[in-house]
Amino acid sequence: MRVNWDPTMNSVAKAEQLGERKSTSQLALQDAAQQFEALFLYQLLTEMRQTIPDSDLLGNRRAEKLFQSLLDQELAENSSKTQSVGLAKIIYEQMSRHVPKDD
């Protein structure tokens, strides 16, 4: 089974790509704030998973850890889009004063 996976299309790469833009609009700022919230939630989920002790009951768990990492990334992105924790809103409100309005 072949999986098309592009490692450059993760949340960090998207945030860096937005950071490289010369002109920033309100929409781009809102998208960047949402992606930052997703990145924050991903880091939070990753750190929370590390608190759970590993078990050798099922043997080598490399595939499971890879799946959990990808699952955490998707959960973080979906949570920031649908059930925002409010971090993106706060960032947007703080930074929108410094960005020109969209036309």
N, C-alpha and C. Protein backbone atom coordinates (compact mmCIF):
# COMPACT_ATOMS: atom_id res chain seq x y z
N MET A 1 0.83 -1.17 0.00
CA MET A 1 0.00 0.00 0.00
C MET A 1 0.88 1.24 0.00
N ARG A 2 0.59 2.13 -0.89
CA ARG A 2 1.38 3.35 -1.03
C ARG A 2 0.58 4.53 -0.47
N VAL A 3 1.25 5.35 0.34
CA VAL A 3 0.61 6.50 0.94
C VAL A 3 1.30 7.75 0.43
N ASN A 4 0.53 8.68 -0.09
CA ASN A 4 1.09 9.96 -0.53
C ASN A 4 1.15 10.89 0.67
N TRP A 5 2.33 11.09 1.16
CA TRP A 5 2.53 11.93 2.33
C TRP A 5 3.61 12.93 2.04
N ASP A 6 3.30 14.19 2.17
CA ASP A 6 4.26 15.26 1.93
C ASP A 6 4.61 15.87 3.28
N PRO A 7 5.83 15.66 3.78
CA PRO A 7 6.17 16.17 5.10
C PRO A 7 6.21 17.68 5.16
N THR A 8 6.24 18.36 4.02
CA THR A 8 6.27 19.82 4.04
C THR A 8 4.89 20.43 4.24
N MET A 9 3.85 19.61 4.25
CA MET A 9 2.49 20.15 4.37
C MET A 9 1.96 20.02 5.80
N ASN A 10 2.81 20.08 6.79
CA ASN A 10 2.33 20.03 8.17
C ASN A 10 2.06 21.45 8.67
N SER A 11 1.58 21.58 9.87
CA SER A 11 1.18 22.88 10.42
C SER A 11 2.35 23.84 10.53
N VAL A 12 3.51 23.34 10.88
CA VAL A 12 4.68 24.21 11.04
C VAL A 12 5.06 24.82 9.70
N ALA A 13 5.07 24.01 8.64
CA ALA A 13 5.42 24.51 7.32
C ALA A 13 4.41 25.55 6.83
N LYS A 14 3.13 25.31 7.10
CA LYS A 14 2.11 26.28 6.71
C LYS A 14 2.29 27.60 7.45
N ALA A 15 2.60 27.53 8.73
CA ALA A 15 2.80 28.74 9.51
C ALA A 15 4.03 29.51 9.03
N GLU A 16 5.10 28.79 8.71
CA GLU A 16 6.30 29.44 8.19
C GLU A 16 6.03 30.09 6.84
N GLN A 17 5.24 29.42 6.01
CA GLN A 17 4.90 29.96 4.71
C GLN A 17 4.10 31.26 4.86
N LEU A 18 3.17 31.30 5.80
CA LEU A 18 2.42 32.53 6.05
C LEU A 18 3.32 33.63 6.60
N GLY A 19 4.30 33.25 7.41
CA GLY A 19 5.20 34.23 7.98
C GLY A 19 6.12 34.88 6.96
N GLU A 20 6.34 34.22 5.84
CA GLU A 20 7.23 34.74 4.81
C GLU A 20 6.54 35.73 3.88
N ARG A 21 5.25 35.83 3.93
CA ARG A 21 4.52 36.76 3.05
C ARG A 21 4.85 38.20 3.42
N LYS A 22 5.02 39.02 2.40
CA LYS A 22 5.34 40.42 2.63
C LYS A 22 4.10 41.21 3.06
N SER A 23 3.00 41.05 2.34
CA SER A 23 1.79 41.79 2.69
C SER A 23 0.86 40.86 3.46
N THR A 24 0.37 41.35 4.57
CA THR A 24 -0.51 40.56 5.42
C THR A 24 -1.90 41.18 5.40
N SER A 25 -2.89 40.36 5.25
CA SER A 25 -4.26 40.84 5.28
C SER A 25 -4.95 40.29 6.51
N GLN A 26 -6.15 40.77 6.75
CA GLN A 26 -6.92 40.30 7.90
C GLN A 26 -7.21 38.80 7.78
N LEU A 27 -7.52 38.34 6.56
CA LEU A 27 -7.79 36.92 6.36
C LEU A 27 -6.55 36.07 6.61
N ALA A 28 -5.41 36.54 6.14
CA ALA A 28 -4.17 35.80 6.36
C ALA A 28 -3.83 35.77 7.84
N LEU A 29 -4.10 36.86 8.53
CA LEU A 29 -3.85 36.92 9.97
C LEU A 29 -4.75 35.95 10.72
N GLN A 30 -6.01 35.89 10.32
CA GLN A 30 -6.96 34.97 10.95
C GLN A 30 -6.53 33.53 10.71
N ASP A 31 -6.08 33.24 9.50
CA ASP A 31 -5.61 31.89 9.18
C ASP A 31 -4.35 31.54 9.98
N ALA A 32 -3.44 32.50 10.09
CA ALA A 32 -2.21 32.26 10.85
C ALA A 32 -2.51 32.04 12.33
N ALA A 33 -3.46 32.81 12.88
CA ALA A 33 -3.84 32.64 14.28
C ALA A 33 -4.46 31.27 14.51
N GLN A 34 -5.27 30.83 13.57
CA GLN A 34 -5.90 29.51 13.68
C GLN A 34 -4.84 28.40 13.59
N GLN A 35 -3.88 28.57 12.70
CA GLN A 35 -2.82 27.57 12.57
C GLN A 35 -1.92 27.56 13.80
N PHE A 36 -1.70 28.73 14.39
CA PHE A 36 -0.90 28.77 15.62
C PHE A 36 -1.63 28.02 16.74
N GLU A 37 -2.94 28.21 16.82
CA GLU A 37 -3.72 27.49 17.83
C GLU A 37 -3.64 25.99 17.58
N ALA A 38 -3.70 25.56 16.31
CA ALA A 38 -3.59 24.14 15.99
C ALA A 38 -2.22 23.61 16.39
N LEU A 39 -1.18 24.38 16.14
CA LEU A 39 0.17 23.97 16.52
C LEU A 39 0.30 23.86 18.04
N PHE A 40 -0.29 24.81 18.76
CA PHE A 40 -0.28 24.79 20.21
C PHE A 40 -1.01 23.54 20.74
N LEU A 41 -2.18 23.26 20.17
CA LEU A 41 -2.94 22.08 20.60
C LEU A 41 -2.19 20.79 20.28
N TYR A 42 -1.50 20.75 19.14
CA TYR A 42 -0.70 19.56 18.79
C TYR A 42 0.40 19.34 19.82
N GLN A 43 1.10 20.41 20.19
CA GLN A 43 2.15 20.30 21.19
C GLN A 43 1.57 19.86 22.54
N LEU A 44 0.42 20.37 22.86
CA LEU A 44 -0.25 20.00 24.11
C LEU A 44 -0.60 18.51 24.11
N LEU A 45 -1.18 18.03 23.02
CA LEU A 45 -1.52 16.60 22.93
C LEU A 45 -0.27 15.72 22.97
N THR A 46 0.79 16.16 22.31
CA THR A 46 2.04 15.40 22.30
C THR A 46 2.62 15.28 23.71
N GLU A 47 2.64 16.39 24.42
CA GLU A 47 3.17 16.36 25.79
C GLU A 47 2.28 15.54 26.72
N MET A 48 0.99 15.59 26.51
CA MET A 48 0.09 14.79 27.34
C MET A 48 0.29 13.30 27.10
N ARG A 49 0.52 12.91 25.85
CA ARG A 49 0.74 11.49 25.54
C ARG A 49 2.04 10.98 26.17
N GLN A 50 3.02 11.85 26.33
CA GLN A 50 4.29 11.43 26.91
C GLN A 50 4.16 11.13 28.40
N THR A 51 3.11 11.58 29.03
CA THR A 51 2.92 11.30 30.46
C THR A 51 2.39 9.89 30.70
N ILE A 52 1.88 9.25 29.65
CA ILE A 52 1.35 7.89 29.78
C ILE A 52 2.52 6.91 29.69
N PRO A 53 2.68 6.03 30.67
CA PRO A 53 3.81 5.09 30.63
C PRO A 53 3.67 4.10 29.47
N ASP A 54 4.81 3.78 28.85
CA ASP A 54 4.83 2.80 27.76
C ASP A 54 4.71 1.39 28.30
N SER A 55 4.10 0.54 27.51
CA SER A 55 3.94 -0.86 27.88
C SER A 55 4.48 -1.73 26.74
N ASP A 56 5.18 -2.79 27.08
CA ASP A 56 5.70 -3.72 26.08
C ASP A 56 4.76 -4.89 25.85
N LEU A 57 3.55 -4.77 26.26
CA LEU A 57 2.59 -5.85 26.14
C LEU A 57 2.35 -6.25 24.69
N LEU A 58 2.29 -5.26 23.80
CA LEU A 58 2.02 -5.54 22.39
C LEU A 58 3.27 -5.53 21.53
N GLY A 59 4.42 -5.46 22.13
CA GLY A 59 5.67 -5.49 21.38
C GLY A 59 6.07 -4.11 20.88
N ASN A 60 6.75 -4.08 19.74
CA ASN A 60 7.24 -2.84 19.15
C ASN A 60 6.05 -1.99 18.71
N ARG A 61 6.04 -0.73 19.11
CA ARG A 61 4.89 0.13 18.86
C ARG A 61 5.24 1.30 17.97
N ARG A 62 6.20 1.17 17.06
CA ARG A 62 6.58 2.29 16.21
C ARG A 62 5.43 2.75 15.32
N ALA A 63 4.71 1.81 14.74
CA ALA A 63 3.59 2.15 13.86
C ALA A 63 2.48 2.84 14.65
N GLU A 64 2.24 2.36 15.86
CA GLU A 64 1.22 2.98 16.69
C GLU A 64 1.59 4.40 17.06
N LYS A 65 2.86 4.62 17.37
CA LYS A 65 3.31 5.97 17.73
C LYS A 65 3.22 6.91 16.53
N LEU A 66 3.53 6.42 15.35
CA LEU A 66 3.38 7.23 14.14
C LEU A 66 1.92 7.58 13.92
N PHE A 67 1.04 6.58 14.07
CA PHE A 67 -0.39 6.83 13.91
C PHE A 67 -0.88 7.83 14.94
N GLN A 68 -0.45 7.72 16.19
CA GLN A 68 -0.87 8.65 17.23
C GLN A 68 -0.40 10.06 16.93
N SER A 69 0.80 10.19 16.38
CA SER A 69 1.31 11.50 16.03
C SER A 69 0.46 12.14 14.93
N LEU A 70 0.13 11.36 13.90
CA LEU A 70 -0.71 11.87 12.82
C LEU A 70 -2.12 12.16 13.31
N LEU A 71 -2.63 11.30 14.20
CA LEU A 71 -3.95 11.52 14.78
C LEU A 71 -3.97 12.80 15.61
N ASP A 72 -2.94 13.02 16.40
CA ASP A 72 -2.86 14.23 17.21
C ASP A 72 -2.85 15.48 16.33
N GLN A 73 -2.13 15.40 15.22
CA GLN A 73 -2.08 16.54 14.31
C GLN A 73 -3.45 16.83 13.71
N GLU A 74 -4.16 15.81 13.30
CA GLU A 74 -5.50 16.00 12.74
C GLU A 74 -6.48 16.49 13.80
N LEU A 75 -6.40 15.94 15.00
CA LEU A 75 -7.26 16.39 16.09
C LEU A 75 -7.03 17.86 16.40
N ALA A 76 -5.78 18.26 16.41
CA ALA A 76 -5.45 19.66 16.70
C ALA A 76 -5.99 20.58 15.62
N GLU A 77 -5.81 20.21 14.36
CA GLU A 77 -6.30 21.05 13.26
C GLU A 77 -7.82 21.14 13.27
N ASN A 78 -8.49 20.00 13.45
CA ASN A 78 -9.95 20.02 13.47
C ASN A 78 -10.49 20.76 14.69
N SER A 79 -9.83 20.61 15.82
CA SER A 79 -10.29 21.31 17.02
C SER A 79 -10.14 22.81 16.88
N SER A 80 -9.07 23.26 16.25
CA SER A 80 -8.88 24.70 16.09
C SER A 80 -9.88 25.28 15.09
N LYS A 81 -10.36 24.47 14.15
CA LYS A 81 -11.33 24.95 13.17
C LYS A 81 -12.75 24.93 13.70
N THR A 82 -13.11 23.90 14.45
CA THR A 82 -14.50 23.73 14.85
C THR A 82 -14.77 24.12 16.30
N GLN A 83 -13.92 23.69 17.21
CA GLN A 83 -14.14 23.94 18.63
C GLN A 83 -12.97 24.73 19.20
N SER A 84 -12.80 25.91 18.71
CA SER A 84 -11.66 26.72 19.11
C SER A 84 -11.61 26.91 20.62
N VAL A 85 -10.41 26.85 21.18
CA VAL A 85 -10.24 27.07 22.62
C VAL A 85 -10.13 28.56 22.93
N GLY A 86 -10.12 29.39 21.91
CA GLY A 86 -10.10 30.83 22.10
C GLY A 86 -8.76 31.49 21.90
N LEU A 87 -7.72 30.71 21.75
CA LEU A 87 -6.39 31.27 21.57
C LEU A 87 -6.28 32.02 20.24
N ALA A 88 -6.84 31.46 19.17
CA ALA A 88 -6.79 32.11 17.86
C ALA A 88 -7.53 33.44 17.89
N LYS A 89 -8.65 33.49 18.57
CA LYS A 89 -9.43 34.73 18.66
C LYS A 89 -8.64 35.82 19.38
N ILE A 90 -7.99 35.45 20.47
CA ILE A 90 -7.20 36.42 21.23
C ILE A 90 -6.03 36.94 20.41
N ILE A 91 -5.34 36.04 19.73
CA ILE A 91 -4.20 36.44 18.89
C ILE A 91 -4.68 37.37 17.77
N TYR A 92 -5.78 37.00 17.14
CA TYR A 92 -6.30 37.81 16.05
C TYR A 92 -6.69 39.21 16.54
N GLU A 93 -7.38 39.27 17.68
CA GLU A 93 -7.78 40.58 18.21
C GLU A 93 -6.58 41.45 18.55
N GLN A 94 -5.53 40.85 19.08
CA GLN A 94 -4.34 41.62 19.44
C GLN A 94 -3.58 42.10 18.21
N MET A 95 -3.46 41.23 17.21
CA MET A 95 -2.64 41.56 16.04
C MET A 95 -3.38 42.33 14.95
N SER A 96 -4.71 42.27 14.94
CA SER A 96 -5.47 42.90 13.85
C SER A 96 -5.35 44.42 13.87
N ARG A 97 -4.98 44.99 14.99
CA ARG A 97 -4.79 46.45 15.06
C ARG A 97 -3.62 46.91 14.22
N HIS A 98 -2.68 46.00 13.95
CA HIS A 98 -1.45 46.35 13.24
C HIS A 98 -1.48 45.96 11.76
N VAL A 99 -2.62 45.44 11.31
CA VAL A 99 -2.73 44.96 9.94
C VAL A 99 -3.79 45.79 9.22
N PRO A 100 -3.51 46.24 8.00
CA PRO A 100 -4.52 47.02 7.26
C PRO A 100 -5.76 46.19 6.95
N LYS A 101 -6.89 46.88 6.85
CA LYS A 101 -8.15 46.20 6.55
C LYS A 101 -8.15 45.65 5.13
N ASP A 102 -8.90 44.53 4.93
CA ASP A 102 -9.05 43.96 3.60
C ASP A 102 -9.97 44.84 2.76
N ASP A 103 -9.69 44.88 1.47
CA ASP A 103 -10.56 45.63 0.55
C ASP A 103 -11.51 44.75 -0.17
